[in-house]
Amino acid sequence: MFHQFEFRTYQRKFKRPLQTSHGIWDIRSGIILRLVGENNQIGWGEIAPLSWFGSESFEQALDFCQQLPGNISSEMIFAISAELPACQFGFESALSNEQNLPPPAPPCQGGEKSKNLSHLCHEEEKRLSLYSGLLPAGETALQALQLLWLEGYRTFKWKIGVAAIEQELKIFQQLIQAMHNLCDRESAFLRLDANGGLSYWQAKTWLQACDKVKATPGFSADIEFLEQPLPVTQFQQMVELNAIYATPIALDESAANLDRIQECYSQGWRGIFVIKPAIAGSPSQLRKFCQTHNIDAVFSSVFETEIGRQAALNLATQLSLNKRALGFGTDCWFDDNHSILDFRF
């Protein structure tokens, strides 16, 4: 079956630059795909590359799209090279036509609320409690925590390995205490994400600090895991640390795409995988692997628009076999969220 193929590029500026151990990221670039089948059914997809994380670059993805003819077959889509994982995800998502985008949620702050609006806002809070909210690096995380808590988030992710470890450990203690103070007969969880930016000694120091929190009696805030403390090349050291400390380690960059996930699994990793569907590669192959091996997976965003986000969430919902929060609490990092209606073809 052949599909009429069109695409549009986009750029989205972050409200404030995202700071990680990889550097500063201020603009998200991507490509929106549209496929029109022989029955005139429209399928939408998104290519949201993250080259510094292990996917193809935006330029490589754009070059691939520009070389395609105006009509492409399903066979061509399933034959896309694994060297273009973001393209695999985008085209297969468009082909599956799973983009059932919901209307935007109503704002939940300020003004009088009708009973119906109050109900909708309560449902939105419940939904956000299933997601992990991303905190900015540094001290601004303390203020952001308060805002995200009021919106309904109960799991938070904080970037570390950006400033001096002594400074970050001090903020960490303040952050944990603030989470504990906010808790009222419920638990809150913090994920620490180093993006592979720690030394072995620093990773041990962080894990010791996390274990101390976990061992504190009556504390409502808990550390869920330390994400990718060491570079991809230090896999065995992460296996070793994961066996020593009570705080789990989660692989992120090490599991950036399906090939890497399979490699880590074959080398014996049975801990947590953080999977970013939009850059992981073929959704059908990822689904098959996860269902076959029953891995402990946390699904996460790469700051895609609502188009790619919905496709990623569809997959995450199918494959989330645990109760871990999904890492899709990223809406507040942009002024827009780009639905299908924002793109004119």
C-alpha atoms as a PDB file:
ATOM      1  CA  MET A   1       0.000   0.000   0.000  1.00  0.00           C
ATOM      2  CA  PHE A   2       1.315   3.423  -0.957  1.00  0.00           C
ATOM      3  CA  HIS A   3       0.962   6.635   1.055  1.00  0.00           C
ATOM      4  CA  GLN A   4       1.222  10.228  -0.043  1.00  0.00           C
ATOM      5  CA  PHE A   5       4.058  11.721   2.019  1.00  0.00           C
ATOM      6  CA  GLU A   6       4.608  15.301   3.202  1.00  0.00           C
ATOM      7  CA  PHE A   7       6.649  16.834   6.011  1.00  0.00           C
ATOM      8  CA  ARG A   8       7.226  20.132   7.805  1.00  0.00           C
ATOM      9  CA  THR A   9      10.078  21.179  10.077  1.00  0.00           C
ATOM     10  CA  TYR A  10       9.627  23.072  13.332  1.00  0.00           C
ATOM     11  CA  GLN A  11      11.641  24.832  16.024  1.00  0.00           C
ATOM     12  CA  ARG A  12      10.489  25.387  19.618  1.00  0.00           C
ATOM     13  CA  LYS A  13      12.366  27.636  22.008  1.00  0.00           C
ATOM     14  CA  PHE A  14      12.521  26.509  25.632  1.00  0.00           C
ATOM     15  CA  LYS A  15      11.117  28.994  28.148  1.00  0.00           C
ATOM     16  CA  ARG A  16      14.467  28.644  29.873  1.00  0.00           C
ATOM     17  CA  PRO A  17      17.425  26.642  28.523  1.00  0.00           C
ATOM     18  CA  LEU A  18      17.635  23.042  29.693  1.00  0.00           C
ATOM     19  CA  GLN A  19      20.930  22.503  31.485  1.00  0.00           C
ATOM     20  CA  THR A  20      22.472  19.035  31.641  1.00  0.00           C
ATOM     21  CA  SER A  21      25.961  17.581  31.905  1.00  0.00           C
ATOM     22  CA  HIS A  22      25.927  17.456  28.077  1.00  0.00           C
ATOM     23  CA  GLY A  23      25.609  21.246  27.944  1.00  0.00           C
ATOM     24  CA  ILE A  24      22.834  23.807  27.432  1.00  0.00           C
ATOM     25  CA  TRP A  25      19.879  23.112  25.138  1.00  0.00           C
ATOM     26  CA  ASP A  26      17.699  26.072  24.167  1.00  0.00           C
ATOM     27  CA  ILE A  27      15.888  25.100  20.927  1.00  0.00           C
ATOM     28  CA  ARG A  28      14.129  21.823  20.082  1.00  0.00           C
ATOM     29  CA  SER A  29      14.046  21.129  16.331  1.00  0.00           C
ATOM     30  CA  GLY A  30      12.030  18.381  14.720  1.00  0.00           C
ATOM     31  CA  ILE A  31       9.980  17.233  11.736  1.00  0.00           C
ATOM     32  CA  ILE A  32       6.230  16.606  11.479  1.00  0.00           C
ATOM     33  CA  LEU A  33       5.167  13.881   9.040  1.00  0.00           C
ATOM     34  CA  ARG A  34       1.856  13.354   7.285  1.00  0.00           C
ATOM     35  CA  LEU A  35       0.890  10.207   5.414  1.00  0.00           C
ATOM     36  CA  VAL A  36      -2.315   9.979   3.390  1.00  0.00           C
ATOM     37  CA  GLY A  37      -3.391   6.434   2.570  1.00  0.00           C
ATOM     38  CA  GLU A  38      -5.320   5.126  -0.412  1.00  0.00           C
ATOM     39  CA  ASN A  39      -8.522   5.418   1.634  1.00  0.00           C
ATOM     40  CA  ASN A  40      -7.664   9.083   2.394  1.00  0.00           C
ATOM     41  CA  GLN A  41      -7.014   8.263   6.055  1.00  0.00           C
ATOM     42  CA  ILE A  42      -4.395  10.626   7.469  1.00  0.00           C
ATOM     43  CA  GLY A  43      -1.602   9.431   9.725  1.00  0.00           C
ATOM     44  CA  TRP A  44       0.603  11.853  11.671  1.00  0.00           C
ATOM     45  CA  GLY A  45       4.095  11.265  13.005  1.00  0.00           C
ATOM     46  CA  GLU A  46       7.030  13.177  14.418  1.00  0.00           C
ATOM     47  CA  ILE A  47      10.787  12.876  14.102  1.00  0.00           C
ATOM     48  CA  ALA A  48      12.378  14.378  17.223  1.00  0.00           C
ATOM     49  CA  PRO A  49      16.103  13.538  17.061  1.00  0.00           C
ATOM     50  CA  LEU A  50      18.551  13.873  19.949  1.00  0.00           C
ATOM     51  CA  SER A  51      21.976  13.383  18.417  1.00  0.00           C
ATOM     52  CA  TRP A  52      23.966  13.974  21.618  1.00  0.00           C
ATOM     53  CA  PHE A  53      21.915  11.192  23.180  1.00  0.00           C
ATOM     54  CA  GLY A  54      22.558   8.611  20.494  1.00  0.00           C
ATOM     55  CA  SER A  55      20.049   9.194  17.677  1.00  0.00           C
ATOM     56  CA  GLU A  56      20.641  10.618  14.236  1.00  0.00           C
ATOM     57  CA  SER A  57      20.983  14.387  13.965  1.00  0.00           C
ATOM     58  CA  PHE A  58      18.218  16.719  12.805  1.00  0.00           C
ATOM     59  CA  GLU A  59      20.213  17.331   9.618  1.00  0.00           C
ATOM     60  CA  GLN A  60      20.449  13.596   8.895  1.00  0.00           C
ATOM     61  CA  ALA A  61      16.719  13.143   9.475  1.00  0.00           C
ATOM     62  CA  LEU A  62      15.891  16.109   7.241  1.00  0.00           C
ATOM     63  CA  ASP A  63      18.181  14.810   4.491  1.00  0.00           C
ATOM     64  CA  PHE A  64      16.429  11.420   4.686  1.00  0.00           C
ATOM     65  CA  CYS A  65      12.980  13.012   4.339  1.00  0.00           C
ATOM     66  CA  GLN A  66      14.098  15.206   1.444  1.00  0.00           C
ATOM     67  CA  GLN A  67      15.346  12.175  -0.495  1.00  0.00           C
ATOM     68  CA  LEU A  68      12.053  10.285  -0.227  1.00  0.00           C
ATOM     69  CA  PRO A  69       9.542  10.400  -3.101  1.00  0.00           C
ATOM     70  CA  GLY A  70       6.087  11.913  -2.717  1.00  0.00           C
ATOM     71  CA  ASN A  71       4.559   8.444  -2.494  1.00  0.00           C
ATOM     72  CA  ILE A  72       6.060   5.798  -0.217  1.00  0.00           C
ATOM     73  CA  SER A  73       5.080   2.230   0.622  1.00  0.00           C
ATOM     74  CA  SER A  74       4.649   0.531   3.975  1.00  0.00           C
ATOM     75  CA  GLU A  75       7.566  -1.730   3.025  1.00  0.00           C
ATOM     76  CA  MET A  76       9.811   1.317   2.632  1.00  0.00           C
ATOM     77  CA  ILE A  77       8.846   2.519   6.102  1.00  0.00           C
ATOM     78  CA  PHE A  78       9.619  -0.804   7.790  1.00  0.00           C
ATOM     79  CA  ALA A  79      12.933  -0.930   5.926  1.00  0.00           C
ATOM     80  CA  ILE A  80      14.256   2.329   7.432  1.00  0.00           C
ATOM     81  CA  SER A  81      17.751   1.748   8.814  1.00  0.00           C
ATOM     82  CA  ALA A  82      18.311   1.328  12.576  1.00  0.00           C
ATOM     83  CA  GLU A  83      20.887   4.109  12.171  1.00  0.00           C
ATOM     84  CA  LEU A  84      17.862   6.450  11.909  1.00  0.00           C
ATOM     85  CA  PRO A  85      15.919   5.486  15.080  1.00  0.00           C
ATOM     86  CA  ALA A  86      13.981   8.759  15.356  1.00  0.00           C
ATOM     87  CA  CYS A  87      12.910   8.378  11.721  1.00  0.00           C
ATOM     88  CA  GLN A  88      11.830   4.792  12.386  1.00  0.00           C
ATOM     89  CA  PHE A  89       9.638   5.976  15.246  1.00  0.00           C
ATOM     90  CA  GLY A  90       8.157   8.912  13.341  1.00  0.00           C
ATOM     91  CA  PHE A  91       7.244   7.021  10.178  1.00  0.00           C
ATOM     92  CA  GLU A  92       5.893   3.927  11.957  1.00  0.00           C
ATOM     93  CA  SER A  93       3.815   6.152  14.235  1.00  0.00           C
ATOM     94  CA  ALA A  94       2.331   7.917  11.233  1.00  0.00           C
ATOM     95  CA  LEU A  95       1.672   4.595   9.531  1.00  0.00           C
ATOM     96  CA  SER A  96      -0.139   3.144  12.538  1.00  0.00           C
ATOM     97  CA  ASN A  97      -2.376   6.246  12.614  1.00  0.00           C
ATOM     98  CA  GLU A  98      -2.636   6.214  16.392  1.00  0.00           C
ATOM     99  CA  GLN A  99      -2.780   9.979  16.771  1.00  0.00           C
ATOM    100  CA  ASN A 100      -6.027  10.430  18.709  1.00  0.00           C
ATOM    101  CA  LEU A 101      -5.143  13.753  20.226  1.00  0.00           C
ATOM    102  CA  PRO A 102      -7.277  14.908  23.162  1.00  0.00           C
ATOM    103  CA  PRO A 103      -8.404  18.522  23.484  1.00  0.00           C
ATOM    104  CA  PRO A 104      -6.175  20.647  25.716  1.00  0.00           C
ATOM    105  CA  ALA A 105      -6.980  20.479  29.413  1.00  0.00           C
ATOM    106  CA  PRO A 106      -8.612  23.610  30.872  1.00  0.00           C
ATOM    107  CA  PRO A 107      -6.504  25.813  33.147  1.00  0.00           C
ATOM    108  CA  CYS A 108      -6.868  24.865  36.789  1.00  0.00           C
ATOM    109  CA  GLN A 109      -5.805  27.983  38.607  1.00  0.00           C
ATOM    110  CA  GLY A 110      -7.515  31.277  39.346  1.00  0.00           C
ATOM    111  CA  GLY A 111     -11.124  32.413  39.091  1.00  0.00           C
ATOM    112  CA  GLU A 112     -14.411  30.739  39.926  1.00  0.00           C
ATOM    113  CA  LYS A 113     -14.790  27.143  38.816  1.00  0.00           C
ATOM    114  CA  SER A 114     -17.974  25.405  37.871  1.00  0.00           C
ATOM    115  CA  LYS A 115     -18.571  21.899  39.209  1.00  0.00           C
ATOM    116  CA  ASN A 116     -17.759  20.522  35.791  1.00  0.00           C
ATOM    117  CA  LEU A 117     -14.532  22.528  35.531  1.00  0.00           C
ATOM    118  CA  SER A 118     -13.538  21.508  39.056  1.00  0.00           C
ATOM    119  CA  HIS A 119     -14.042  17.890  38.078  1.00  0.00           C
ATOM    120  CA  LEU A 120     -11.905  18.347  34.964  1.00  0.00           C
ATOM    121  CA  CYS A 121      -9.161  19.998  36.986  1.00  0.00           C
ATOM    122  CA  HIS A 122      -9.259  17.180  39.522  1.00  0.00           C
ATOM    123  CA  GLU A 123      -8.907  14.672  36.698  1.00  0.00           C
ATOM    124  CA  GLU A 124      -5.950  16.666  35.348  1.00  0.00           C
ATOM    125  CA  GLU A 125      -4.262  16.553  38.760  1.00  0.00           C
ATOM    126  CA  LYS A 126      -4.785  12.774  38.857  1.00  0.00           C
ATOM    127  CA  ARG A 127      -3.277  12.484  35.385  1.00  0.00           C
ATOM    128  CA  LEU A 128      -0.231  14.552  36.315  1.00  0.00           C
ATOM    129  CA  SER A 129       0.332  12.401  39.392  1.00  0.00           C
ATOM    130  CA  LEU A 130       1.079   9.576  36.951  1.00  0.00           C
ATOM    131  CA  TYR A 131       3.875  11.631  35.331  1.00  0.00           C
ATOM    132  CA  SER A 132       7.300  12.720  36.514  1.00  0.00           C
ATOM    133  CA  GLY A 133       7.766  16.492  36.481  1.00  0.00           C
ATOM    134  CA  LEU A 134      11.138  17.769  35.275  1.00  0.00           C
ATOM    135  CA  LEU A 135      12.860  20.230  37.607  1.00  0.00           C
ATOM    136  CA  PRO A 136      15.498  22.680  36.361  1.00  0.00           C
ATOM    137  CA  ALA A 137      19.080  22.230  37.477  1.00  0.00           C
ATOM    138  CA  GLY A 138      20.409  24.208  40.431  1.00  0.00           C
ATOM    139  CA  GLU A 139      18.577  26.178  43.115  1.00  0.00           C
ATOM    140  CA  THR A 140      15.671  27.123  40.840  1.00  0.00           C
ATOM    141  CA  ALA A 141      14.489  23.536  41.343  1.00  0.00           C
ATOM    142  CA  LEU A 142      13.220  24.519  44.791  1.00  0.00           C
ATOM    143  CA  GLN A 143      10.764  27.073  43.409  1.00  0.00           C
ATOM    144  CA  ALA A 144       9.775  24.832  40.499  1.00  0.00           C
ATOM    145  CA  LEU A 145       9.032  22.011  42.933  1.00  0.00           C
ATOM    146  CA  GLN A 146       6.376  24.089  44.678  1.00  0.00           C
ATOM    147  CA  LEU A 147       4.648  24.948  41.385  1.00  0.00           C
ATOM    148  CA  LEU A 148       4.700  21.409  40.015  1.00  0.00           C
ATOM    149  CA  TRP A 149       3.414  20.053  43.332  1.00  0.00           C
ATOM    150  CA  LEU A 150       0.412  22.390  43.172  1.00  0.00           C
ATOM    151  CA  GLU A 151      -0.306  21.189  39.641  1.00  0.00           C
ATOM    152  CA  GLY A 152      -0.503  17.584  40.853  1.00  0.00           C
ATOM    153  CA  TYR A 153       2.933  16.039  40.286  1.00  0.00           C
ATOM    154  CA  ARG A 154       4.223  13.636  42.948  1.00  0.00           C
ATOM    155  CA  THR A 155       7.311  12.306  41.164  1.00  0.00           C
ATOM    156  CA  PHE A 156      10.102  14.687  40.174  1.00  0.00           C
ATOM    157  CA  LYS A 157      13.285  14.476  38.147  1.00  0.00           C
ATOM    158  CA  TRP A 158      16.274  16.685  38.883  1.00  0.00           C
ATOM    159  CA  LYS A 159      19.368  17.124  36.707  1.00  0.00           C
ATOM    160  CA  ILE A 160      22.681  16.761  38.547  1.00  0.00           C
ATOM    161  CA  GLY A 161      26.312  16.762  37.470  1.00  0.00           C
ATOM    162  CA  VAL A 162      25.908  20.337  36.268  1.00  0.00           C
ATOM    163  CA  ALA A 163      27.502  22.299  39.163  1.00  0.00           C
ATOM    164  CA  ALA A 164      30.050  21.422  41.853  1.00  0.00           C
ATOM    165  CA  ILE A 165      28.988  18.305  43.752  1.00  0.00           C
ATOM    166  CA  GLU A 166      29.198  20.053  47.124  1.00  0.00           C
ATOM    167  CA  GLN A 167      26.753  22.707  45.941  1.00  0.00           C
ATOM    168  CA  GLU A 168      24.370  20.164  44.419  1.00  0.00           C
ATOM    169  CA  LEU A 169      24.375  17.969  47.535  1.00  0.00           C
ATOM    170  CA  LYS A 170      23.384  21.009  49.610  1.00  0.00           C
ATOM    171  CA  ILE A 171      20.483  21.788  47.244  1.00  0.00           C
ATOM    172  CA  PHE A 172      19.580  18.090  47.247  1.00  0.00           C
ATOM    173  CA  GLN A 173      19.079  18.135  51.014  1.00  0.00           C
ATOM    174  CA  GLN A 174      16.886  21.238  50.720  1.00  0.00           C
ATOM    175  CA  LEU A 175      14.897  19.644  47.914  1.00  0.00           C
ATOM    176  CA  ILE A 176      14.268  16.444  49.840  1.00  0.00           C
ATOM    177  CA  GLN A 177      13.215  18.371  52.931  1.00  0.00           C
ATOM    178  CA  ALA A 178      10.865  20.538  50.871  1.00  0.00           C
ATOM    179  CA  MET A 179       9.271  17.431  49.362  1.00  0.00           C
ATOM    180  CA  HIS A 180       8.838  15.923  52.819  1.00  0.00           C
ATOM    181  CA  ASN A 181       7.205  19.122  54.086  1.00  0.00           C
ATOM    182  CA  LEU A 182       4.759  19.149  51.159  1.00  0.00           C
ATOM    183  CA  CYS A 183       3.669  15.553  51.688  1.00  0.00           C
ATOM    184  CA  ASP A 184       0.403  15.031  53.529  1.00  0.00           C
ATOM    185  CA  ARG A 185      -0.330  11.352  54.084  1.00  0.00           C
ATOM    186  CA  GLU A 186       1.185  10.531  50.708  1.00  0.00           C
ATOM    187  CA  SER A 187       4.608   9.779  49.286  1.00  0.00           C
ATOM    188  CA  ALA A 188       6.752  11.753  46.873  1.00  0.00           C
ATOM    189  CA  PHE A 189       9.602  10.441  44.759  1.00  0.00           C
ATOM    190  CA  LEU A 190      12.724  12.074  43.365  1.00  0.00           C
ATOM    191  CA  ARG A 191      14.732  10.839  40.396  1.00  0.00           C
ATOM    192  CA  LEU A 192      18.270  12.126  40.014  1.00  0.00           C
ATOM    193  CA  ASP A 193      19.574  12.301  36.439  1.00  0.00           C
ATOM    194  CA  ALA A 194      23.300  12.736  35.904  1.00  0.00           C
ATOM    195  CA  ASN A 195      23.261  12.171  32.115  1.00  0.00           C
ATOM    196  CA  GLY A 196      26.508  10.223  32.465  1.00  0.00           C
ATOM    197  CA  GLY A 197      28.303  13.245  33.921  1.00  0.00           C
ATOM    198  CA  LEU A 198      29.679  11.844  37.198  1.00  0.00           C
ATOM    199  CA  SER A 199      32.994  10.269  38.069  1.00  0.00           C
ATOM    200  CA  TYR A 200      32.998   6.916  39.868  1.00  0.00           C
ATOM    201  CA  TRP A 201      33.766   8.646  43.184  1.00  0.00           C
ATOM    202  CA  GLN A 202      30.966  11.186  42.639  1.00  0.00           C
ATOM    203  CA  ALA A 203      28.499   8.416  41.786  1.00  0.00           C
ATOM    204  CA  LYS A 204      29.351   6.633  45.049  1.00  0.00           C
ATOM    205  CA  THR A 205      28.953   9.895  46.971  1.00  0.00           C
ATOM    206  CA  TRP A 206      25.506  10.480  45.482  1.00  0.00           C
ATOM    207  CA  LEU A 207      24.398   6.905  46.118  1.00  0.00           C
ATOM    208  CA  GLN A 208      25.521   7.160  49.744  1.00  0.00           C
ATOM    209  CA  ALA A 209      23.513  10.388  50.137  1.00  0.00           C
ATOM    210  CA  CYS A 210      20.473   8.736  48.537  1.00  0.00           C
ATOM    211  CA  ASP A 211      20.745   5.641  50.739  1.00  0.00           C
ATOM    212  CA  LYS A 212      20.854   7.873  53.805  1.00  0.00           C
ATOM    213  CA  VAL A 213      17.533   9.449  52.763  1.00  0.00           C
ATOM    214  CA  LYS A 214      15.997   6.041  52.095  1.00  0.00           C
ATOM    215  CA  ALA A 215      17.057   4.880  55.583  1.00  0.00           C
ATOM    216  CA  THR A 216      15.557   7.886  57.399  1.00  0.00           C
ATOM    217  CA  PRO A 217      12.551   6.701  59.471  1.00  0.00           C
ATOM    218  CA  GLY A 218       9.207   8.425  58.848  1.00  0.00           C
ATOM    219  CA  PHE A 219      10.451  10.391  55.849  1.00  0.00           C
ATOM    220  CA  SER A 220       7.765  10.889  53.180  1.00  0.00           C
ATOM    221  CA  ALA A 221      10.164  11.736  50.348  1.00  0.00           C
ATOM    222  CA  ASP A 222      12.062   8.889  48.723  1.00  0.00           C
ATOM    223  CA  ILE A 223      14.727   8.522  46.041  1.00  0.00           C
ATOM    224  CA  GLU A 224      13.389   6.346  43.252  1.00  0.00           C
ATOM    225  CA  PHE A 225      16.655   5.934  41.344  1.00  0.00           C
ATOM    226  CA  LEU A 226      19.882   7.545  40.165  1.00  0.00           C
ATOM    227  CA  GLU A 227      19.756   7.791  36.392  1.00  0.00           C
ATOM    228  CA  GLN A 228      22.849   7.157  34.259  1.00  0.00           C
ATOM    229  CA  PRO A 229      25.503   8.234  36.792  1.00  0.00           C
ATOM    230  CA  LEU A 230      28.456   7.202  34.587  1.00  0.00           C
ATOM    231  CA  PRO A 231      29.254   7.429  30.862  1.00  0.00           C
ATOM    232  CA  VAL A 232      28.032   4.727  28.494  1.00  0.00           C
ATOM    233  CA  THR A 233      31.563   3.260  28.361  1.00  0.00           C
ATOM    234  CA  GLN A 234      31.451   2.454  32.100  1.00  0.00           C
ATOM    235  CA  PHE A 235      28.640  -0.099  31.980  1.00  0.00           C
ATOM    236  CA  GLN A 236      30.321  -2.660  34.247  1.00  0.00           C
ATOM    237  CA  GLN A 237      30.967  -0.040  36.920  1.00  0.00           C
ATOM    238  CA  MET A 238      27.241   0.803  36.935  1.00  0.00           C
ATOM    239  CA  VAL A 239      26.416  -2.897  37.271  1.00  0.00           C
ATOM    240  CA  GLU A 240      28.769  -3.008  40.266  1.00  0.00           C
ATOM    241  CA  LEU A 241      27.279   0.074  41.935  1.00  0.00           C
ATOM    242  CA  ASN A 242      23.747  -1.184  41.329  1.00  0.00           C
ATOM    243  CA  ALA A 243      24.586  -4.301  43.342  1.00  0.00           C
ATOM    244  CA  ILE A 244      26.152  -2.411  46.269  1.00  0.00           C
ATOM    245  CA  TYR A 245      23.680   0.359  47.131  1.00  0.00           C
ATOM    246  CA  ALA A 246      20.004   0.350  48.120  1.00  0.00           C
ATOM    247  CA  THR A 247      19.238   3.161  45.672  1.00  0.00           C
ATOM    248  CA  PRO A 248      18.717   1.630  42.207  1.00  0.00           C
ATOM    249  CA  ILE A 249      20.571   2.811  39.134  1.00  0.00           C
ATOM    250  CA  ALA A 250      18.615   3.344  35.918  1.00  0.00           C
ATOM    251  CA  LEU A 251      20.231   3.208  32.489  1.00  0.00           C
ATOM    252  CA  ASP A 252      19.371   6.093  30.174  1.00  0.00           C
ATOM    253  CA  GLU A 253      22.029   7.024  27.595  1.00  0.00           C
ATOM    254  CA  SER A 254      23.191   3.407  27.812  1.00  0.00           C
ATOM    255  CA  ALA A 255      19.695   2.408  26.641  1.00  0.00           C
ATOM    256  CA  ALA A 256      19.172   5.213  24.124  1.00  0.00           C
ATOM    257  CA  ASN A 257      17.889   2.950  21.342  1.00  0.00           C
ATOM    258  CA  LEU A 258      16.728  -0.605  20.857  1.00  0.00           C
ATOM    259  CA  ASP A 259      20.174  -1.871  19.841  1.00  0.00           C
ATOM    260  CA  ARG A 260      21.675  -0.508  23.067  1.00  0.00           C
ATOM    261  CA  ILE A 261      18.793  -1.849  25.164  1.00  0.00           C
ATOM    262  CA  GLN A 262      19.327  -5.323  23.707  1.00  0.00           C
ATOM    263  CA  GLU A 263      23.085  -5.078  24.253  1.00  0.00           C
ATOM    264  CA  CYS A 264      22.687  -4.108  27.927  1.00  0.00           C
ATOM    265  CA  TYR A 265      20.176  -6.898  28.457  1.00  0.00           C
ATOM    266  CA  SER A 266      22.462  -9.469  26.817  1.00  0.00           C
ATOM    267  CA  GLN A 267      25.263  -8.321  29.149  1.00  0.00           C
ATOM    268  CA  GLY A 268      23.098  -9.127  32.158  1.00  0.00           C
ATOM    269  CA  TRP A 269      21.394  -5.846  33.091  1.00  0.00           C
ATOM    270  CA  ARG A 270      18.138  -6.617  34.891  1.00  0.00           C
ATOM    271  CA  GLY A 271      17.720  -3.223  36.517  1.00  0.00           C
ATOM    272  CA  ILE A 272      15.736  -0.207  35.337  1.00  0.00           C
ATOM    273  CA  PHE A 273      15.783   0.965  31.720  1.00  0.00           C
ATOM    274  CA  VAL A 274      14.766   4.546  30.901  1.00  0.00           C
ATOM    275  CA  ILE A 275      13.333   4.334  27.388  1.00  0.00           C
ATOM    276  CA  LYS A 276      12.648   7.355  25.198  1.00  0.00           C
ATOM    277  CA  PRO A 277      10.302   5.945  22.536  1.00  0.00           C
ATOM    278  CA  ALA A 278      10.803   8.837  20.113  1.00  0.00           C
ATOM    279  CA  ILE A 279      14.497   7.968  19.668  1.00  0.00           C
ATOM    280  CA  ALA A 280      14.411   4.257  20.578  1.00  0.00           C
ATOM    281  CA  GLY A 281      13.741   3.111  17.027  1.00  0.00           C
ATOM    282  CA  SER A 282      11.013   0.922  15.558  1.00  0.00           C
ATOM    283  CA  PRO A 283       7.942   0.928  17.859  1.00  0.00           C
ATOM    284  CA  SER A 284       6.918  -2.533  16.663  1.00  0.00           C
ATOM    285  CA  GLN A 285      10.348  -4.003  17.429  1.00  0.00           C
ATOM    286  CA  LEU A 286      10.548  -2.206  20.780  1.00  0.00           C
ATOM    287  CA  ARG A 287       7.088  -3.516  21.706  1.00  0.00           C
ATOM    288  CA  LYS A 288       8.138  -7.062  20.794  1.00  0.00           C
ATOM    289  CA  PHE A 289      11.342  -6.871  22.861  1.00  0.00           C
ATOM    290  CA  CYS A 290       9.671  -5.411  25.953  1.00  0.00           C
ATOM    291  CA  GLN A 291       6.827  -7.905  25.897  1.00  0.00           C
ATOM    292  CA  THR A 292       9.204 -10.833  25.384  1.00  0.00           C
ATOM    293  CA  HIS A 293      11.678  -9.894  28.126  1.00  0.00           C
ATOM    294  CA  ASN A 294       9.420  -8.206  30.687  1.00  0.00           C
ATOM    295  CA  ILE A 295      11.975  -5.505  31.509  1.00  0.00           C
ATOM    296  CA  ASP A 296      11.611  -2.845  34.222  1.00  0.00           C
ATOM    297  CA  ALA A 297      11.078   0.179  31.972  1.00  0.00           C
ATOM    298  CA  VAL A 298      10.435   3.851  32.644  1.00  0.00           C
ATOM    299  CA  PHE A 299       9.222   5.658  29.532  1.00  0.00           C
ATOM    300  CA  SER A 300      10.321   9.236  29.005  1.00  0.00           C
ATOM    301  CA  SER A 301       9.967  12.250  26.721  1.00  0.00           C
ATOM    302  CA  VAL A 302      12.531  13.920  24.476  1.00  0.00           C
ATOM    303  CA  PHE A 303      10.549  17.183  24.413  1.00  0.00           C
ATOM    304  CA  GLU A 304       8.558  16.219  21.348  1.00  0.00           C
ATOM    305  CA  THR A 305       5.367  18.068  20.383  1.00  0.00           C
ATOM    306  CA  GLU A 306       1.916  16.722  21.215  1.00  0.00           C
ATOM    307  CA  ILE A 307       2.008  14.675  18.013  1.00  0.00           C
ATOM    308  CA  GLY A 308       5.061  12.621  18.955  1.00  0.00           C
ATOM    309  CA  ARG A 309       4.145  12.703  22.617  1.00  0.00           C
ATOM    310  CA  GLN A 310       0.802  10.995  22.013  1.00  0.00           C
ATOM    311  CA  ALA A 311       2.431   8.262  19.927  1.00  0.00           C
ATOM    312  CA  ALA A 312       5.067   7.731  22.632  1.00  0.00           C
ATOM    313  CA  LEU A 313       2.412   7.626  25.357  1.00  0.00           C
ATOM    314  CA  ASN A 314       0.367   5.100  23.395  1.00  0.00           C
ATOM    315  CA  LEU A 315       3.388   2.823  23.352  1.00  0.00           C
ATOM    316  CA  ALA A 316       4.309   3.521  26.985  1.00  0.00           C
ATOM    317  CA  THR A 317       0.786   2.728  28.150  1.00  0.00           C
ATOM    318  CA  GLN A 318       0.921  -0.644  26.405  1.00  0.00           C
ATOM    319  CA  LEU A 319       4.334  -1.562  27.817  1.00  0.00           C
ATOM    320  CA  SER A 320       4.387  -0.086  31.337  1.00  0.00           C
ATOM    321  CA  LEU A 321       4.176  -3.187  33.499  1.00  0.00           C
ATOM    322  CA  ASN A 322       5.093  -1.386  36.729  1.00  0.00           C
ATOM    323  CA  LYS A 323       3.638   1.552  38.623  1.00  0.00           C
ATOM    324  CA  ARG A 324       6.515   3.935  37.921  1.00  0.00           C
ATOM    325  CA  ALA A 325       5.566   7.443  36.831  1.00  0.00           C
ATOM    326  CA  LEU A 326       5.988   8.205  33.131  1.00  0.00           C
ATOM    327  CA  GLY A 327       8.641  10.794  32.339  1.00  0.00           C
ATOM    328  CA  PHE A 328       6.390  13.058  30.295  1.00  0.00           C
ATOM    329  CA  GLY A 329       5.984  16.025  32.653  1.00  0.00           C
ATOM    330  CA  THR A 330       7.639  18.436  30.221  1.00  0.00           C
ATOM    331  CA  ASP A 331       4.781  20.689  29.027  1.00  0.00           C
ATOM    332  CA  CYS A 332       5.817  23.590  31.233  1.00  0.00           C
ATOM    333  CA  TRP A 333       9.131  23.946  29.403  1.00  0.00           C
ATOM    334  CA  PHE A 334       7.440  25.482  26.336  1.00  0.00           C
ATOM    335  CA  ASP A 335       4.909  28.219  25.663  1.00  0.00           C
ATOM    336  CA  ASP A 336       3.325  26.093  22.922  1.00  0.00           C
ATOM    337  CA  ASN A 337       2.630  22.398  22.566  1.00  0.00           C
ATOM    338  CA  HIS A 338       2.001  22.064  18.804  1.00  0.00           C
ATOM    339  CA  SER A 339      -0.983  19.884  18.006  1.00  0.00           C
ATOM    340  CA  ILE A 340      -1.880  18.740  14.496  1.00  0.00           C
ATOM    341  CA  LEU A 341      -3.920  21.890  14.002  1.00  0.00           C
ATOM    342  CA  ASP A 342      -0.745  24.005  14.197  1.00  0.00           C
ATOM    343  CA  PHE A 343       0.646  22.494  10.983  1.00  0.00           C
ATOM    344  CA  ARG A 344      -0.695  23.430   7.599  1.00  0.00           C
ATOM    345  CA  PHE A 345       0.067  21.063   4.718  1.00  0.00           C
END
